[in-house]
Amino acid sequence: MFNIIRKESNNSRYLPKGLNRILRDGVSLHNDCLVLDYFWKANQHLLEQEFQDKTHYECFINGFHLNDFCKLNAAKYLFVFIKKLVNLIKDSNSSYRFSIMITINHQDVHLTFHVKHQNEPEWFELEQIDKSNDAMMIIKFEKGTVCRENWGL
């Protein structure tokens, strides 16, 4: 499934206005958590201490449904968005180790990401990806380069 989506994404070079707006607002560090400013602005009342750990906080703040920002075929823009997001994170700090998680359920595409925090577990362990009921992809980056990619279903 993800190979088909990746191929479809490669045919597109632009993003809808809503997805561009998310990227245009940038990323920033708040209490050692890397967040998309577009979503942080609306959720700054939520404190990292209210979550299990920094990883859970980041995944909550950074998580969104692409369908909410695309009128048609959100999956078509998935990998274009990911490429631009990775560049945004690399420009922020090229030494970050981070993971991007994508879940597809019917026509709904959900994306989130988190930085690898010391002494914290991953949001979703790669070994459990096959147990998911939805199509899921996890891409791990070290210093802005893909170091591991897994998908299931």
N, C-alpha and C. Protein backbone atom coordinates (compact mmCIF):
# COMPACT_ATOMS: atom_id res chain seq x y z
N MET A 1 0.81 -1.19 0.00
CA MET A 1 0.00 0.00 0.00
C MET A 1 0.86 1.27 0.00
N PHE A 2 1.88 1.31 0.87
CA PHE A 2 2.70 2.51 0.97
C PHE A 2 3.54 2.73 -0.29
N ASN A 3 3.91 1.65 -0.97
CA ASN A 3 4.64 1.83 -2.23
C ASN A 3 3.76 2.50 -3.28
N ILE A 4 2.49 2.17 -3.31
CA ILE A 4 1.55 2.79 -4.24
C ILE A 4 1.39 4.28 -3.90
N ILE A 5 1.24 4.57 -2.62
CA ILE A 5 1.09 5.96 -2.18
C ILE A 5 2.35 6.75 -2.48
N ARG A 6 3.51 6.16 -2.23
CA ARG A 6 4.78 6.84 -2.51
C ARG A 6 4.89 7.17 -3.99
N LYS A 7 4.51 6.24 -4.84
CA LYS A 7 4.56 6.47 -6.28
C LYS A 7 3.62 7.61 -6.67
N GLU A 8 2.42 7.61 -6.10
CA GLU A 8 1.45 8.67 -6.38
C GLU A 8 1.97 10.02 -5.88
N SER A 9 2.61 10.03 -4.71
CA SER A 9 3.16 11.26 -4.15
C SER A 9 4.27 11.83 -5.03
N ASN A 10 5.04 10.96 -5.64
CA ASN A 10 6.14 11.42 -6.49
C ASN A 10 5.64 12.18 -7.71
N ASN A 11 4.38 11.99 -8.08
CA ASN A 11 3.81 12.71 -9.21
C ASN A 11 3.35 14.11 -8.81
N SER A 12 3.39 14.42 -7.52
CA SER A 12 2.94 15.72 -7.04
C SER A 12 4.13 16.47 -6.45
N ARG A 13 4.25 17.73 -6.79
CA ARG A 13 5.36 18.54 -6.29
C ARG A 13 4.89 19.63 -5.33
N TYR A 14 3.60 19.85 -5.28
CA TYR A 14 3.08 20.93 -4.45
C TYR A 14 2.19 20.36 -3.36
N LEU A 15 1.88 21.21 -2.41
CA LEU A 15 0.98 20.83 -1.31
C LEU A 15 -0.22 21.76 -1.30
N PRO A 16 -1.36 21.28 -0.85
CA PRO A 16 -2.51 22.17 -0.66
C PRO A 16 -2.17 23.27 0.36
N LYS A 17 -2.91 24.36 0.30
CA LYS A 17 -2.64 25.52 1.17
C LYS A 17 -2.61 25.15 2.65
N GLY A 18 -3.53 24.29 3.08
CA GLY A 18 -3.60 23.92 4.49
C GLY A 18 -2.33 23.23 4.97
N LEU A 19 -1.81 22.32 4.18
CA LEU A 19 -0.57 21.63 4.57
C LEU A 19 0.62 22.57 4.51
N ASN A 20 0.64 23.46 3.52
CA ASN A 20 1.71 24.46 3.45
C ASN A 20 1.70 25.38 4.66
N ARG A 21 0.51 25.73 5.13
CA ARG A 21 0.39 26.61 6.30
C ARG A 21 1.03 25.96 7.53
N ILE A 22 0.82 24.66 7.69
CA ILE A 22 1.42 23.94 8.83
C ILE A 22 2.94 24.06 8.78
N LEU A 23 3.51 23.83 7.61
CA LEU A 23 4.97 23.89 7.46
C LEU A 23 5.49 25.32 7.56
N ARG A 24 4.75 26.26 7.00
CA ARG A 24 5.19 27.66 7.00
C ARG A 24 5.35 28.19 8.42
N ASP A 25 4.50 27.74 9.34
CA ASP A 25 4.61 28.20 10.72
C ASP A 25 5.85 27.64 11.41
N GLY A 26 6.44 26.58 10.88
CA GLY A 26 7.72 26.07 11.38
C GLY A 26 7.60 25.12 12.56
N VAL A 27 8.76 24.79 13.09
CA VAL A 27 8.88 23.96 14.28
C VAL A 27 9.69 24.72 15.31
N SER A 28 9.46 24.42 16.57
CA SER A 28 10.26 25.05 17.62
C SER A 28 10.35 24.12 18.82
N LEU A 29 11.27 24.45 19.68
CA LEU A 29 11.52 23.64 20.87
C LEU A 29 10.83 24.30 22.06
N HIS A 30 10.02 23.55 22.77
CA HIS A 30 9.34 24.01 23.99
C HIS A 30 9.57 22.96 25.06
N ASN A 31 10.26 23.33 26.12
CA ASN A 31 10.57 22.40 27.21
C ASN A 31 11.20 21.12 26.68
N ASP A 32 12.15 21.26 25.78
CA ASP A 32 12.87 20.12 25.21
C ASP A 32 12.01 19.24 24.31
N CYS A 33 10.87 19.77 23.85
CA CYS A 33 9.99 19.03 22.95
C CYS A 33 9.91 19.78 21.62
N LEU A 34 10.10 19.06 20.53
CA LEU A 34 10.02 19.65 19.20
C LEU A 34 8.59 19.57 18.71
N VAL A 35 7.99 20.72 18.41
CA VAL A 35 6.58 20.74 18.03
C VAL A 35 6.38 21.60 16.77
N LEU A 36 5.33 21.22 16.03
CA LEU A 36 4.88 22.05 14.91
C LEU A 36 4.17 23.27 15.51
N ASP A 37 4.67 24.46 15.20
CA ASP A 37 4.11 25.67 15.80
C ASP A 37 2.63 25.86 15.47
N TYR A 38 2.21 25.45 14.31
CA TYR A 38 0.81 25.59 13.90
C TYR A 38 -0.11 24.95 14.94
N PHE A 39 0.26 23.77 15.43
CA PHE A 39 -0.57 23.06 16.39
C PHE A 39 -0.25 23.47 17.83
N TRP A 40 1.00 23.84 18.08
CA TRP A 40 1.38 24.25 19.43
C TRP A 40 0.63 25.52 19.83
N LYS A 41 0.48 26.46 18.90
CA LYS A 41 -0.21 27.72 19.19
C LYS A 41 -1.62 27.45 19.73
N ALA A 42 -2.29 26.49 19.15
CA ALA A 42 -3.67 26.18 19.57
C ALA A 42 -3.71 25.33 20.83
N ASN A 43 -2.59 24.73 21.20
CA ASN A 43 -2.57 23.80 22.33
C ASN A 43 -1.55 24.16 23.40
N GLN A 44 -1.10 25.41 23.42
CA GLN A 44 -0.07 25.77 24.39
C GLN A 44 -0.57 25.75 25.83
N HIS A 45 -1.87 25.64 26.02
CA HIS A 45 -2.43 25.50 27.36
C HIS A 45 -2.13 24.10 27.93
N LEU A 46 -1.80 23.15 27.05
CA LEU A 46 -1.46 21.80 27.50
C LEU A 46 0.01 21.77 27.89
N LEU A 47 0.29 21.22 29.04
CA LEU A 47 1.66 21.16 29.53
C LEU A 47 2.23 19.77 29.36
N GLU A 48 3.50 19.73 29.09
CA GLU A 48 4.19 18.44 28.91
C GLU A 48 4.02 17.56 30.15
N GLN A 49 3.95 18.17 31.33
CA GLN A 49 3.81 17.41 32.58
C GLN A 49 2.48 16.68 32.67
N GLU A 50 1.50 17.06 31.86
CA GLU A 50 0.20 16.40 31.88
C GLU A 50 0.21 15.07 31.13
N PHE A 51 1.32 14.77 30.46
CA PHE A 51 1.44 13.57 29.64
C PHE A 51 2.40 12.59 30.29
N GLN A 52 2.36 11.36 29.83
CA GLN A 52 3.21 10.30 30.38
C GLN A 52 4.69 10.69 30.29
N ASP A 53 5.08 11.28 29.17
CA ASP A 53 6.46 11.72 28.98
C ASP A 53 6.50 12.69 27.81
N LYS A 54 7.69 13.15 27.46
CA LYS A 54 7.85 14.12 26.37
C LYS A 54 7.44 13.53 25.02
N THR A 55 7.72 12.26 24.84
CA THR A 55 7.35 11.59 23.59
C THR A 55 5.84 11.64 23.37
N HIS A 56 5.08 11.32 24.41
CA HIS A 56 3.61 11.35 24.30
C HIS A 56 3.11 12.77 24.05
N TYR A 57 3.72 13.74 24.71
CA TYR A 57 3.34 15.14 24.50
C TYR A 57 3.58 15.55 23.04
N GLU A 58 4.77 15.25 22.52
CA GLU A 58 5.08 15.60 21.13
C GLU A 58 4.12 14.93 20.16
N CYS A 59 3.87 13.65 20.35
CA CYS A 59 2.97 12.94 19.44
C CYS A 59 1.56 13.50 19.49
N PHE A 60 1.12 13.94 20.65
CA PHE A 60 -0.21 14.54 20.74
C PHE A 60 -0.24 15.89 20.01
N ILE A 61 0.70 16.76 20.32
CA ILE A 61 0.73 18.10 19.72
C ILE A 61 0.94 18.00 18.20
N ASN A 62 1.83 17.13 17.76
CA ASN A 62 2.20 17.05 16.34
C ASN A 62 1.27 16.17 15.51
N GLY A 63 0.37 15.46 16.15
CA GLY A 63 -0.50 14.53 15.44
C GLY A 63 -1.68 15.24 14.79
N PHE A 64 -1.94 14.88 13.53
CA PHE A 64 -3.09 15.46 12.84
C PHE A 64 -3.52 14.57 11.68
N HIS A 65 -4.72 14.80 11.21
CA HIS A 65 -5.28 14.07 10.07
C HIS A 65 -5.05 14.92 8.82
N LEU A 66 -4.30 14.40 7.88
CA LEU A 66 -4.06 15.13 6.64
C LEU A 66 -5.36 15.48 5.94
N ASN A 67 -6.36 14.63 6.08
CA ASN A 67 -7.66 14.86 5.44
C ASN A 67 -8.29 16.18 5.88
N ASP A 68 -7.95 16.65 7.07
CA ASP A 68 -8.50 17.91 7.55
C ASP A 68 -7.91 19.11 6.81
N PHE A 69 -6.83 18.89 6.08
CA PHE A 69 -6.13 19.98 5.40
C PHE A 69 -6.07 19.80 3.88
N CYS A 70 -6.71 18.76 3.38
CA CYS A 70 -6.77 18.49 1.93
C CYS A 70 -8.22 18.23 1.57
N LYS A 71 -8.67 18.80 0.48
CA LYS A 71 -10.04 18.54 0.06
C LYS A 71 -10.17 17.16 -0.55
N LEU A 72 -9.16 16.74 -1.29
CA LEU A 72 -9.21 15.45 -1.97
C LEU A 72 -7.90 14.69 -1.80
N ASN A 73 -7.99 13.39 -1.70
CA ASN A 73 -6.85 12.48 -1.78
C ASN A 73 -5.64 12.89 -0.93
N ALA A 74 -5.81 12.89 0.38
CA ALA A 74 -4.73 13.27 1.29
C ALA A 74 -3.51 12.39 1.11
N ALA A 75 -3.71 11.12 0.80
CA ALA A 75 -2.57 10.20 0.65
C ALA A 75 -1.64 10.65 -0.47
N LYS A 76 -2.18 11.31 -1.47
CA LYS A 76 -1.38 11.78 -2.60
C LYS A 76 -0.28 12.73 -2.14
N TYR A 77 -0.54 13.48 -1.08
CA TYR A 77 0.40 14.49 -0.61
C TYR A 77 1.27 14.02 0.56
N LEU A 78 1.05 12.79 0.99
CA LEU A 78 1.72 12.29 2.19
C LEU A 78 3.24 12.40 2.12
N PHE A 79 3.85 11.83 1.10
CA PHE A 79 5.31 11.81 1.06
C PHE A 79 5.91 13.16 0.68
N VAL A 80 5.17 13.98 -0.04
CA VAL A 80 5.63 15.35 -0.30
C VAL A 80 5.69 16.11 1.02
N PHE A 81 4.65 15.96 1.84
CA PHE A 81 4.62 16.61 3.15
C PHE A 81 5.77 16.10 4.02
N ILE A 82 5.97 14.79 4.03
CA ILE A 82 7.03 14.21 4.86
C ILE A 82 8.40 14.76 4.45
N LYS A 83 8.68 14.82 3.16
CA LYS A 83 9.97 15.36 2.71
C LYS A 83 10.17 16.78 3.20
N LYS A 84 9.15 17.60 3.09
CA LYS A 84 9.26 19.00 3.52
C LYS A 84 9.37 19.10 5.04
N LEU A 85 8.66 18.23 5.76
CA LEU A 85 8.76 18.21 7.22
C LEU A 85 10.16 17.83 7.66
N VAL A 86 10.72 16.81 7.03
CA VAL A 86 12.09 16.38 7.37
C VAL A 86 13.07 17.53 7.14
N ASN A 87 12.94 18.23 6.03
CA ASN A 87 13.83 19.37 5.76
C ASN A 87 13.66 20.46 6.81
N LEU A 88 12.43 20.70 7.24
CA LEU A 88 12.15 21.69 8.27
C LEU A 88 12.83 21.30 9.58
N ILE A 89 12.73 20.04 9.95
CA ILE A 89 13.34 19.56 11.19
C ILE A 89 14.86 19.62 11.06
N LYS A 90 15.40 19.20 9.92
CA LYS A 90 16.86 19.26 9.72
C LYS A 90 17.37 20.68 9.80
N ASP A 91 16.62 21.63 9.23
CA ASP A 91 17.03 23.04 9.30
C ASP A 91 17.02 23.55 10.74
N SER A 92 16.13 22.99 11.54
CA SER A 92 16.03 23.38 12.94
C SER A 92 17.24 22.85 13.74
N ASN A 93 17.59 21.59 13.51
CA ASN A 93 18.73 20.97 14.19
C ASN A 93 19.02 19.66 13.47
N SER A 94 20.11 19.63 12.75
CA SER A 94 20.41 18.45 11.92
C SER A 94 20.82 17.23 12.71
N SER A 95 21.01 17.36 14.01
CA SER A 95 21.45 16.20 14.80
C SER A 95 20.29 15.46 15.46
N TYR A 96 19.06 15.92 15.26
CA TYR A 96 17.92 15.25 15.87
C TYR A 96 17.79 13.80 15.38
N ARG A 97 17.43 12.92 16.31
CA ARG A 97 16.97 11.57 15.98
C ARG A 97 15.47 11.61 16.19
N PHE A 98 14.70 11.27 15.16
CA PHE A 98 13.26 11.38 15.29
C PHE A 98 12.57 10.30 14.46
N SER A 99 11.29 10.10 14.78
CA SER A 99 10.47 9.12 14.09
C SER A 99 9.20 9.79 13.61
N ILE A 100 8.77 9.40 12.40
CA ILE A 100 7.50 9.85 11.85
C ILE A 100 6.62 8.61 11.73
N MET A 101 5.39 8.70 12.26
CA MET A 101 4.45 7.60 12.21
C MET A 101 3.25 7.99 11.37
N ILE A 102 2.89 7.13 10.44
CA ILE A 102 1.74 7.35 9.57
C ILE A 102 0.78 6.18 9.73
N THR A 103 -0.49 6.49 9.88
CA THR A 103 -1.52 5.46 9.95
C THR A 103 -2.58 5.78 8.90
N ILE A 104 -2.99 4.76 8.17
CA ILE A 104 -4.05 4.94 7.18
C ILE A 104 -5.16 3.96 7.51
N ASN A 105 -6.36 4.53 7.68
CA ASN A 105 -7.55 3.75 7.98
C ASN A 105 -8.63 4.19 7.00
N HIS A 106 -8.95 3.33 6.06
CA HIS A 106 -9.87 3.66 4.97
C HIS A 106 -9.28 4.84 4.20
N GLN A 107 -9.94 5.98 4.17
CA GLN A 107 -9.42 7.15 3.46
C GLN A 107 -8.75 8.15 4.39
N ASP A 108 -8.67 7.85 5.67
CA ASP A 108 -8.11 8.77 6.66
C ASP A 108 -6.61 8.55 6.82
N VAL A 109 -5.84 9.62 6.72
CA VAL A 109 -4.38 9.55 6.87
C VAL A 109 -3.99 10.37 8.10
N HIS A 110 -3.38 9.71 9.08
CA HIS A 110 -2.93 10.38 10.30
C HIS A 110 -1.41 10.36 10.35
N LEU A 111 -0.83 11.50 10.74
CA LEU A 111 0.63 11.61 10.83
C LEU A 111 0.99 12.24 12.17
N THR A 112 2.06 11.77 12.76
CA THR A 112 2.63 12.41 13.93
C THR A 112 4.13 12.14 13.94
N PHE A 113 4.86 12.84 14.79
CA PHE A 113 6.29 12.58 14.91
C PHE A 113 6.77 12.97 16.31
N HIS A 114 7.91 12.42 16.65
CA HIS A 114 8.55 12.78 17.92
C HIS A 114 10.05 12.62 17.80
N VAL A 115 10.75 13.40 18.62
CA VAL A 115 12.19 13.28 18.74
C VAL A 115 12.48 12.14 19.71
N LYS A 116 13.59 11.46 19.52
CA LYS A 116 13.99 10.39 20.44
C LYS A 116 14.55 11.05 21.70
N HIS A 117 13.82 10.91 22.80
CA HIS A 117 14.24 11.48 24.07
C HIS A 117 14.98 10.42 24.89
N GLN A 118 16.03 10.84 25.52
CA GLN A 118 16.83 9.92 26.33
C GLN A 118 15.99 9.32 27.45
N ASN A 119 16.13 8.03 27.64
CA ASN A 119 15.43 7.26 28.68
C ASN A 119 13.92 7.22 28.50
N GLU A 120 13.44 7.44 27.28
CA GLU A 120 12.01 7.31 27.00
C GLU A 120 11.81 6.29 25.89
N PRO A 121 10.76 5.48 26.01
CA PRO A 121 10.49 4.50 24.94
C PRO A 121 9.94 5.19 23.70
N GLU A 122 9.99 4.50 22.60
CA GLU A 122 9.39 4.99 21.36
C GLU A 122 7.88 5.05 21.54
N TRP A 123 7.22 5.89 20.76
CA TRP A 123 5.77 6.00 20.77
C TRP A 123 5.14 4.67 20.37
N PHE A 124 5.74 4.06 19.36
CA PHE A 124 5.23 2.79 18.85
C PHE A 124 6.43 1.94 18.46
N GLU A 125 6.56 0.79 19.05
CA GLU A 125 7.70 -0.08 18.76
C GLU A 125 7.55 -0.73 17.39
N LEU A 126 8.62 -0.77 16.64
CA LEU A 126 8.59 -1.33 15.29
C LEU A 126 8.11 -2.78 15.28
N GLU A 127 8.47 -3.52 16.30
CA GLU A 127 8.11 -4.94 16.35
C GLU A 127 6.61 -5.15 16.45
N GLN A 128 5.87 -4.13 16.88
CA GLN A 128 4.44 -4.27 17.06
C GLN A 128 3.62 -3.77 15.88
N ILE A 129 4.30 -3.33 14.85
CA ILE A 129 3.61 -2.73 13.70
C ILE A 129 2.66 -3.72 13.02
N ASP A 130 3.03 -4.99 12.99
CA ASP A 130 2.18 -5.99 12.35
C ASP A 130 0.92 -6.30 13.15
N LYS A 131 0.86 -5.87 14.39
CA LYS A 131 -0.31 -6.10 15.22
C LYS A 131 -1.38 -5.02 15.04
N SER A 132 -1.05 -3.97 14.30
CA SER A 132 -1.98 -2.88 14.08
C SER A 132 -3.09 -3.31 13.12
N ASN A 133 -4.30 -2.85 13.36
CA ASN A 133 -5.42 -3.13 12.47
C ASN A 133 -5.43 -2.22 11.25
N ASP A 134 -4.65 -1.15 11.31
CA ASP A 134 -4.59 -0.18 10.22
C ASP A 134 -3.26 -0.32 9.49
N ALA A 135 -3.22 0.21 8.28
CA ALA A 135 -1.95 0.30 7.57
C ALA A 135 -1.10 1.32 8.32
N MET A 136 0.13 0.97 8.62
CA MET A 136 0.96 1.83 9.43
C MET A 136 2.38 1.83 8.90
N MET A 137 3.01 2.99 8.95
CA MET A 137 4.40 3.12 8.53
C MET A 137 5.13 3.95 9.56
N ILE A 138 6.33 3.50 9.92
CA ILE A 138 7.19 4.25 10.83
C ILE A 138 8.51 4.47 10.11
N ILE A 139 8.93 5.73 10.06
CA ILE A 139 10.20 6.08 9.44
C ILE A 139 11.08 6.71 10.52
N LYS A 140 12.23 6.11 10.76
CA LYS A 140 13.15 6.62 11.76
C LYS A 140 14.29 7.36 11.07
N PHE A 141 14.63 8.51 11.62
CA PHE A 141 15.69 9.35 11.06
C PHE A 141 16.78 9.58 12.09
N GLU A 142 18.00 9.56 11.61
CA GLU A 142 19.13 9.98 12.43
C GLU A 142 19.89 11.01 11.63
N LYS A 143 20.06 12.18 12.21
CA LYS A 143 20.74 13.29 11.54
C LYS A 143 20.13 13.58 10.18
N GLY A 144 18.80 13.48 10.11
CA GLY A 144 18.08 13.83 8.90
C GLY A 144 18.08 12.81 7.81
N THR A 145 18.64 11.62 8.07
CA THR A 145 18.71 10.57 7.07
C THR A 145 17.89 9.37 7.53
N VAL A 146 17.16 8.77 6.62
CA VAL A 146 16.37 7.58 6.98
C VAL A 146 17.32 6.48 7.43
N CYS A 147 17.08 5.97 8.62
CA CYS A 147 17.91 4.85 9.09
C CYS A 147 17.11 3.56 9.16
N ARG A 148 15.78 3.67 9.17
CA ARG A 148 14.96 2.47 9.20
C ARG A 148 13.53 2.82 8.82
N GLU A 149 12.93 1.95 8.05
CA GLU A 149 11.56 2.18 7.59
C GLU A 149 10.82 0.85 7.68
N ASN A 150 9.70 0.85 8.34
CA ASN A 150 8.88 -0.36 8.46
C ASN A 150 7.43 -0.01 8.18
N TRP A 151 6.71 -0.96 7.60
CA TRP A 151 5.28 -0.78 7.44
C TRP A 151 4.59 -2.10 7.60
N GLY A 152 3.32 -2.01 7.94
CA GLY A 152 2.53 -3.21 8.15
C GLY A 152 1.15 -3.07 7.56
N LEU A 153 0.52 -4.22 7.37
CA LEU A 153 -0.83 -4.41 6.83
C LEU A 153 -0.96 -4.08 5.38
